[in-house]
Amino acid sequence: MTPFTNRYYPTLCVRRAEMRAMRMLPETEKAEMLPIVLLAPWLNSISFENTVNIVKDCVGEIPIIVDLDRHFQSSSALPSRQFFRELLDKETGPAVWLRFVTDQKNYVPCIQLFDRTPQQVEYQIDVARELGRGMVFRFELERRYDFDALFGYIEANMSDRLLTVFDAGYGDPTELREAAVSQLIDRLIAISGDARFVVSSSSFPNEFSDFDNFEESPPIGSRILFANLSRKYGNYSMYYGDWASTKPRRYDGGGSRPLPRIDYPTKSRWIIARSKDEEWDFEDAAVRITRLPEWSNRPMIWGTGMIEKTAKGLPGGISSGPEAIASRVNIHLYLQNHYSTSEPPPTPQGKWVDPI
């Protein structure tokens, strides 16, 4: 089975930025984390098999926890969309889901809980137990569940083969959000003090006008939430997760064309470089990033190499928003994977090609 140990649990959507960021991480880094991949059709692919292929190509064959990206919306008649709707279907979805997961040897299944009958949950648990890879109960706090029934299933299946994920969703950490997660953790540890669980959330900004000219560097909200909860639950098997410096699909896009912007993550903050007044392009933003004191402690990985390449005006640097996002995600993944190590971050072990 896949060991549910104290490591980094990033939630990744099947989108260009996250997939490229993962693809450019050294294999040793991927092996140390346990990604939670939210599956959905890949771009305009005809077949859902392309989702499987892109995940395999970018994330590799390491064990990954898989769930469905319920924020993905499409009424398209493409076969990939039709199959995705089958996976979500209230009646047949659980059976289709487990057949699909069974065929992918490195997939650790999330038991589909939302809007599912007790019989469907029990069926999924039985199949997951037979697979022997472990199983995950993932709760998205923005959704409604029959918690009494579901915590009953957790109690009946409590072992080191079960991981519970509490996803607090998108938004800044608040006392209300913290209290909601705390209530669920209390119920879980009342079942067993040995229960293993992940606390995850997402808080990367949706608006950037407040950050012009380095006016402010927003904190990584998921770290604040986790730290606050650690004061109460730090002696339990509580593990850190986040959305890898992204946010759910429902918050993507919209509005006017975004200004050129480069984001540089540290372990606890995001430094955002853009200027509407001075009309910075990507090179201007990259130059400013490389002049910051925090740049001296940068990890020598693909994302920082892309920023340096851009600052020097070399070919192949960042020239679009998706490339900037992929670079940020790549750096963020690496730093959170090494959050407990001292600065500066260690040099990646494994094959890495300097992009400059």
Protein backbone atom coordinates (compact mmCIF):
# COMPACT_ATOMS: atom_id res chain seq x y z
CA MET A 1 0.00 0.00 0.00
CA THR A 2 1.00 3.65 -0.29
CA PRO A 3 2.28 4.87 3.10
CA PHE A 4 0.42 7.89 4.43
CA THR A 5 3.31 9.60 6.19
CA ASN A 6 4.26 13.11 7.27
CA ARG A 7 5.05 14.70 3.91
CA TYR A 8 3.72 17.36 1.56
CA TYR A 9 0.28 16.77 -0.03
CA PRO A 10 -0.19 19.27 -2.89
CA THR A 11 -3.57 19.37 -4.64
CA LEU A 12 -3.09 19.61 -8.40
CA CYS A 13 -5.60 20.16 -11.18
CA VAL A 14 -5.00 18.76 -14.65
CA ARG A 15 -4.14 22.17 -16.10
CA ARG A 16 -1.15 23.32 -18.11
CA ALA A 17 0.60 25.22 -15.34
CA GLU A 18 0.45 22.52 -12.66
CA MET A 19 1.34 19.74 -15.06
CA ARG A 20 4.33 21.57 -16.52
CA ALA A 21 5.52 22.59 -13.06
CA MET A 22 5.43 18.97 -11.94
CA ARG A 23 7.06 17.73 -15.12
CA MET A 24 10.04 20.03 -14.49
CA LEU A 25 10.60 18.89 -10.90
CA PRO A 26 13.37 16.34 -10.32
CA GLU A 27 12.01 12.81 -9.90
CA THR A 28 13.43 12.63 -6.38
CA GLU A 29 11.28 15.62 -5.39
CA LYS A 30 8.12 14.04 -6.77
CA ALA A 31 8.84 10.82 -4.90
CA GLU A 32 9.00 12.61 -1.55
CA MET A 33 5.54 14.22 -1.83
CA LEU A 34 2.15 12.59 -2.29
CA PRO A 35 0.12 14.65 -4.79
CA ILE A 36 -3.66 14.78 -4.73
CA VAL A 37 -4.57 15.02 -8.42
CA LEU A 38 -8.07 16.22 -9.35
CA LEU A 39 -8.87 14.55 -12.63
CA ALA A 40 -10.78 16.21 -15.47
CA PRO A 41 -10.62 16.21 -19.29
CA TRP A 42 -7.33 17.53 -20.64
CA LEU A 43 -7.88 20.69 -22.71
CA ASN A 44 -9.88 19.80 -25.83
CA SER A 45 -8.91 16.13 -25.89
CA ILE A 46 -11.29 13.73 -27.55
CA SER A 47 -10.44 10.85 -25.23
CA PHE A 48 -10.20 10.90 -21.43
CA GLU A 49 -7.16 8.67 -21.89
CA ASN A 50 -5.22 11.84 -22.64
CA THR A 51 -5.75 12.89 -19.03
CA VAL A 52 -4.14 9.64 -17.90
CA ASN A 53 -1.27 10.14 -20.32
CA ILE A 54 -0.54 13.76 -19.37
CA VAL A 55 -0.56 12.90 -15.67
CA LYS A 56 1.79 10.00 -16.28
CA ASP A 57 4.10 12.13 -18.43
CA CYS A 58 4.25 15.06 -16.00
CA VAL A 59 3.78 13.55 -12.56
CA GLY A 60 5.34 10.19 -13.32
CA GLU A 61 4.48 6.75 -12.02
CA ILE A 62 4.79 7.62 -8.34
CA PRO A 63 1.75 6.82 -6.18
CA ILE A 64 -0.80 9.64 -6.39
CA ILE A 65 -4.12 10.21 -4.68
CA VAL A 66 -6.84 10.81 -7.27
CA ASP A 67 -10.20 12.51 -7.01
CA LEU A 68 -12.60 14.14 -9.46
CA ASP A 69 -12.34 17.87 -10.20
CA ARG A 70 -15.94 18.82 -9.48
CA HIS A 71 -15.19 22.44 -10.41
CA PHE A 72 -14.74 21.39 -14.05
CA GLN A 73 -17.82 22.32 -16.08
CA SER A 74 -18.54 21.46 -19.71
CA SER A 75 -21.61 20.59 -21.76
CA SER A 76 -19.48 19.50 -24.73
CA ALA A 77 -20.34 16.28 -26.54
CA LEU A 78 -16.67 15.27 -26.76
CA PRO A 79 -16.16 11.65 -25.55
CA SER A 80 -13.75 12.89 -22.86
CA ARG A 81 -16.50 15.07 -21.41
CA GLN A 82 -19.10 12.33 -21.70
CA PHE A 83 -16.85 9.93 -19.78
CA PHE A 84 -16.20 12.57 -17.12
CA ARG A 85 -19.94 13.00 -16.68
CA GLU A 86 -20.22 9.21 -16.30
CA LEU A 87 -17.70 9.40 -13.47
CA LEU A 88 -19.82 12.06 -11.78
CA ASP A 89 -23.14 10.32 -12.43
CA LYS A 90 -25.18 9.85 -9.28
CA GLU A 91 -26.25 6.30 -10.16
CA THR A 92 -23.39 4.66 -12.07
CA GLY A 93 -20.48 6.94 -11.15
CA PRO A 94 -18.95 4.98 -8.24
CA ALA A 95 -18.68 1.76 -10.25
CA VAL A 96 -17.21 3.53 -13.28
CA TRP A 97 -14.81 5.41 -10.99
CA LEU A 98 -13.44 2.29 -9.30
CA ARG A 99 -13.04 0.44 -12.62
CA PHE A 100 -11.10 3.42 -13.93
CA VAL A 101 -8.88 3.67 -10.85
CA THR A 102 -8.23 -0.08 -10.82
CA ASP A 103 -6.70 0.13 -14.31
CA GLN A 104 -4.11 2.72 -13.17
CA LYS A 105 -1.72 0.86 -10.87
CA ASN A 106 -0.37 3.95 -9.07
CA TYR A 107 -3.74 5.57 -8.34
CA VAL A 108 -4.86 5.69 -4.69
CA PRO A 109 -8.63 6.31 -4.77
CA CYS A 110 -10.58 8.97 -3.00
CA ILE A 111 -13.88 7.39 -2.00
CA GLN A 112 -16.59 9.41 -3.74
CA LEU A 113 -18.65 10.83 -0.87
CA PHE A 114 -20.61 13.77 -2.21
CA ASP A 115 -24.22 12.93 -3.05
CA ARG A 116 -23.60 9.17 -2.78
CA THR A 117 -25.80 6.57 -1.08
CA PRO A 118 -24.54 4.41 1.81
CA GLN A 119 -24.52 1.40 -0.49
CA GLN A 120 -22.33 3.23 -3.02
CA VAL A 121 -19.86 4.29 -0.33
CA GLU A 122 -19.69 0.75 1.06
CA TYR A 123 -19.11 -0.65 -2.42
CA GLN A 124 -16.20 1.73 -3.02
CA ILE A 125 -14.65 0.87 0.33
CA ASP A 126 -14.84 -2.86 -0.44
CA VAL A 127 -13.15 -2.40 -3.84
CA ALA A 128 -10.49 -0.08 -2.42
CA ARG A 129 -9.74 -2.59 0.33
CA GLU A 130 -9.28 -5.33 -2.28
CA LEU A 131 -6.92 -3.11 -4.31
CA GLY A 132 -4.74 -2.75 -1.23
CA ARG A 133 -3.36 0.68 -2.15
CA GLY A 134 -5.03 2.52 0.72
CA MET A 135 -8.08 4.75 0.54
CA VAL A 136 -8.77 8.43 1.10
CA PHE A 137 -11.81 10.23 2.50
CA ARG A 138 -11.55 13.76 1.12
CA PHE A 139 -13.97 16.35 2.47
CA GLU A 140 -14.39 19.68 0.66
CA LEU A 141 -15.81 22.02 3.26
CA GLU A 142 -17.84 23.94 0.68
CA ARG A 143 -19.97 20.82 0.05
CA ARG A 144 -22.65 19.19 2.19
CA TYR A 145 -22.10 15.67 3.52
CA ASP A 146 -23.83 13.29 5.86
CA PHE A 147 -20.97 13.52 8.34
CA ASP A 148 -22.59 11.19 10.86
CA ALA A 149 -22.72 8.36 8.35
CA LEU A 150 -19.33 9.07 6.81
CA PHE A 151 -17.49 9.25 10.12
CA GLY A 152 -19.14 5.91 10.89
CA TYR A 153 -17.45 4.44 7.81
CA ILE A 154 -14.15 5.96 8.88
CA GLU A 155 -14.49 4.36 12.31
CA ALA A 156 -15.29 0.97 10.76
CA ASN A 157 -12.24 1.15 8.50
CA MET A 158 -9.74 2.93 10.72
CA SER A 159 -6.20 1.76 10.04
CA ASP A 160 -2.97 3.00 8.51
CA ARG A 161 -4.58 2.24 5.16
CA LEU A 162 -6.93 5.21 5.50
CA LEU A 163 -6.19 8.91 5.13
CA THR A 164 -8.66 11.73 5.73
CA VAL A 165 -8.23 15.03 3.88
CA PHE A 166 -9.95 18.18 5.08
CA ASP A 167 -9.91 20.70 2.24
CA ALA A 168 -10.90 24.10 3.62
CA GLY A 169 -11.33 25.47 0.09
CA TYR A 170 -10.43 28.86 -1.33
CA GLY A 171 -10.06 32.02 0.70
CA ASP A 172 -8.00 33.73 3.36
CA PRO A 173 -7.69 31.91 6.68
CA THR A 174 -10.40 33.04 9.07
CA GLU A 175 -11.54 32.04 12.53
CA LEU A 176 -14.71 30.63 10.99
CA ARG A 177 -12.79 28.49 8.51
CA GLU A 178 -10.42 27.32 11.23
CA ALA A 179 -13.32 26.45 13.53
CA ALA A 180 -15.03 24.43 10.79
CA VAL A 181 -11.91 22.33 10.21
CA SER A 182 -11.31 22.01 13.95
CA GLN A 183 -14.78 20.58 14.50
CA LEU A 184 -14.14 17.84 11.96
CA ILE A 185 -10.69 17.04 13.35
CA ASP A 186 -12.23 16.69 16.82
CA ARG A 187 -14.67 14.13 15.47
CA LEU A 188 -11.89 12.22 13.74
CA ILE A 189 -9.49 11.99 16.68
CA ALA A 190 -12.41 11.03 18.94
CA ILE A 191 -12.59 7.90 16.81
CA SER A 192 -8.84 7.27 17.04
CA GLY A 193 -5.91 9.30 18.29
CA ASP A 194 -3.83 7.51 15.63
CA ALA A 195 -5.92 8.79 12.70
CA ARG A 196 -3.88 10.30 9.86
CA PHE A 197 -5.22 13.45 8.26
CA VAL A 198 -4.28 16.29 5.91
CA VAL A 199 -5.36 19.91 6.26
CA SER A 200 -5.33 21.72 2.91
CA SER A 201 -6.55 25.04 1.56
CA SER A 202 -5.97 27.62 -1.16
CA SER A 203 -5.48 31.38 -0.86
CA PHE A 204 -3.50 32.65 -3.85
CA PRO A 205 -4.91 36.12 -4.71
CA ASN A 206 -7.60 36.69 -7.30
CA GLU A 207 -6.92 40.42 -7.60
CA PHE A 208 -3.47 42.01 -7.92
CA SER A 209 -3.92 45.77 -7.96
CA ASP A 210 -2.96 45.98 -4.27
CA PHE A 211 0.41 44.42 -5.03
CA ASP A 212 1.72 46.87 -7.62
CA ASN A 213 5.37 47.89 -7.18
CA PHE A 214 5.88 45.38 -4.34
CA GLU A 215 3.32 47.26 -2.25
CA GLU A 216 2.53 44.07 -0.37
CA SER A 217 3.56 40.40 -0.35
CA PRO A 218 0.59 38.24 0.61
CA PRO A 219 1.20 35.42 3.09
CA ILE A 220 0.55 31.80 2.18
CA GLY A 221 -2.79 31.40 3.89
CA SER A 222 -2.72 27.61 3.99
CA ARG A 223 0.45 27.82 6.09
CA ILE A 224 -1.27 30.18 8.53
CA LEU A 225 -4.29 27.87 8.82
CA PHE A 226 -2.06 24.84 9.34
CA ALA A 227 0.10 26.62 11.93
CA ASN A 228 -2.97 27.75 13.89
CA LEU A 229 -4.40 24.23 13.93
CA SER A 230 -0.99 22.78 14.81
CA ARG A 231 -1.12 24.55 18.15
CA LYS A 232 -4.07 22.33 19.05
CA TYR A 233 -3.38 19.19 17.04
CA GLY A 234 0.39 19.19 16.59
CA ASN A 235 0.78 15.97 18.60
CA TYR A 236 -1.48 14.08 16.22
CA SER A 237 -0.71 12.75 12.73
CA MET A 238 -1.67 15.98 10.95
CA TYR A 239 -0.02 16.62 7.59
CA TYR A 240 0.23 19.77 5.47
CA GLY A 241 -1.38 20.27 2.08
CA ASP A 242 -2.22 23.17 -0.23
CA TRP A 243 -3.23 23.91 -3.81
CA ALA A 244 0.38 24.41 -4.98
CA SER A 245 -0.11 28.21 -5.22
CA THR A 246 -3.19 27.84 -7.47
CA LYS A 247 -6.92 27.90 -6.84
CA PRO A 248 -9.98 25.90 -7.96
CA ARG A 249 -11.17 26.35 -11.54
CA ARG A 250 -14.26 28.31 -10.52
CA TYR A 251 -12.02 31.22 -9.56
CA ASP A 252 -9.98 31.17 -12.78
CA GLY A 253 -10.26 33.70 -15.58
CA GLY A 254 -12.77 36.47 -16.09
CA GLY A 255 -12.26 40.21 -16.22
CA SER A 256 -9.80 42.12 -18.35
CA ARG A 257 -6.53 40.81 -19.75
CA PRO A 258 -4.09 40.46 -16.83
CA LEU A 259 -0.97 42.59 -16.72
CA PRO A 260 2.41 40.91 -17.17
CA ARG A 261 3.34 39.59 -13.74
CA ILE A 262 5.93 37.31 -12.19
CA ASP A 263 5.35 35.74 -8.79
CA TYR A 264 8.25 34.57 -6.66
CA PRO A 265 7.35 32.22 -3.78
CA THR A 266 9.19 32.00 -0.51
CA LYS A 267 8.30 29.41 2.10
CA SER A 268 5.75 31.67 3.75
CA ARG A 269 4.83 34.43 1.24
CA TRP A 270 4.28 35.16 -2.43
CA ILE A 271 6.25 38.13 -3.79
CA ILE A 272 4.32 39.63 -6.70
CA ALA A 273 6.11 41.75 -9.30
CA ARG A 274 3.99 43.90 -11.59
CA SER A 275 3.42 47.59 -12.22
CA LYS A 276 0.46 49.13 -13.97
CA ASP A 277 1.86 52.66 -13.67
CA GLU A 278 5.28 51.82 -15.10
CA GLU A 279 3.86 49.26 -17.58
CA TRP A 280 6.33 46.50 -16.72
CA ASP A 281 6.63 43.61 -19.13
CA PHE A 282 7.78 40.15 -18.04
CA GLU A 283 11.45 41.10 -18.34
CA ASP A 284 10.96 44.21 -16.17
CA ALA A 285 9.20 42.13 -13.52
CA ALA A 286 11.89 39.44 -13.62
CA VAL A 287 14.68 41.99 -13.26
CA ARG A 288 13.01 43.38 -10.11
CA ILE A 289 12.64 39.89 -8.66
CA THR A 290 16.32 39.09 -9.16
CA ARG A 291 17.31 42.27 -7.27
CA LEU A 292 15.43 41.26 -4.12
CA PRO A 293 17.33 40.03 -1.03
CA GLU A 294 15.16 36.90 -1.08
CA TRP A 295 16.56 35.97 -4.49
CA SER A 296 19.94 35.05 -2.99
CA ASN A 297 18.33 32.07 -1.23
CA ARG A 298 16.51 30.80 -4.32
CA PRO A 299 16.47 27.07 -5.05
CA MET A 300 18.33 26.16 -8.23
CA ILE A 301 15.39 24.63 -10.08
CA TRP A 302 13.57 25.12 -13.35
CA GLY A 303 11.22 27.88 -12.12
CA THR A 304 13.99 30.14 -10.81
CA GLY A 305 15.98 29.41 -13.95
CA MET A 306 13.08 30.66 -16.05
CA ILE A 307 12.92 33.89 -14.05
CA GLU A 308 16.66 34.43 -14.40
CA LYS A 309 16.50 33.69 -18.09
CA THR A 310 13.70 36.26 -18.48
CA ALA A 311 15.61 38.90 -16.51
CA LYS A 312 18.58 38.48 -18.84
CA GLY A 313 16.40 38.79 -21.93
CA LEU A 314 17.43 35.35 -23.19
CA PRO A 315 15.30 33.27 -25.58
CA GLY A 316 12.94 30.76 -24.01
CA GLY A 317 12.17 32.81 -20.92
CA ILE A 318 8.76 33.74 -19.55
CA SER A 319 6.65 35.45 -22.21
CA SER A 320 3.11 34.56 -21.17
CA GLY A 321 0.92 34.25 -18.11
CA PRO A 322 0.79 30.41 -18.20
CA GLU A 323 4.61 30.23 -18.28
CA ALA A 324 4.81 32.59 -15.31
CA ILE A 325 2.29 30.49 -13.39
CA ALA A 326 4.14 27.26 -14.18
CA SER A 327 7.38 28.79 -12.91
CA ARG A 328 5.72 29.95 -9.69
CA VAL A 329 4.10 26.56 -9.07
CA ASN A 330 7.39 24.78 -9.71
CA ILE A 331 9.20 26.91 -7.11
CA HIS A 332 6.34 26.67 -4.62
CA LEU A 333 6.20 22.87 -4.86
CA TYR A 334 9.91 22.59 -4.23
CA LEU A 335 9.94 24.98 -1.28
CA GLN A 336 6.93 23.40 0.44
CA ASN A 337 8.47 19.98 -0.09
CA HIS A 338 11.43 21.29 1.94
CA TYR A 339 9.50 23.51 4.32
CA SER A 340 11.03 22.06 7.48
CA THR A 341 14.62 22.32 6.25
CA SER A 342 16.78 25.32 7.02
CA GLU A 343 17.57 28.03 4.49
CA PRO A 344 18.89 28.03 1.87
CA PRO A 345 16.97 25.18 0.26
CA PRO A 346 19.10 22.18 -0.65
CA THR A 347 20.26 21.69 -4.22
CA PRO A 348 17.91 19.25 -5.99
CA GLN A 349 19.18 15.72 -6.23
CA GLY A 350 18.64 14.10 -9.59
CA LYS A 351 18.79 15.10 -13.21
CA TRP A 352 18.24 18.81 -13.78
CA VAL A 353 19.25 20.85 -16.81
CA ASP A 354 20.05 24.54 -16.33
CA PRO A 355 17.68 26.38 -18.71
CA ILE A 356 20.00 29.38 -19.07
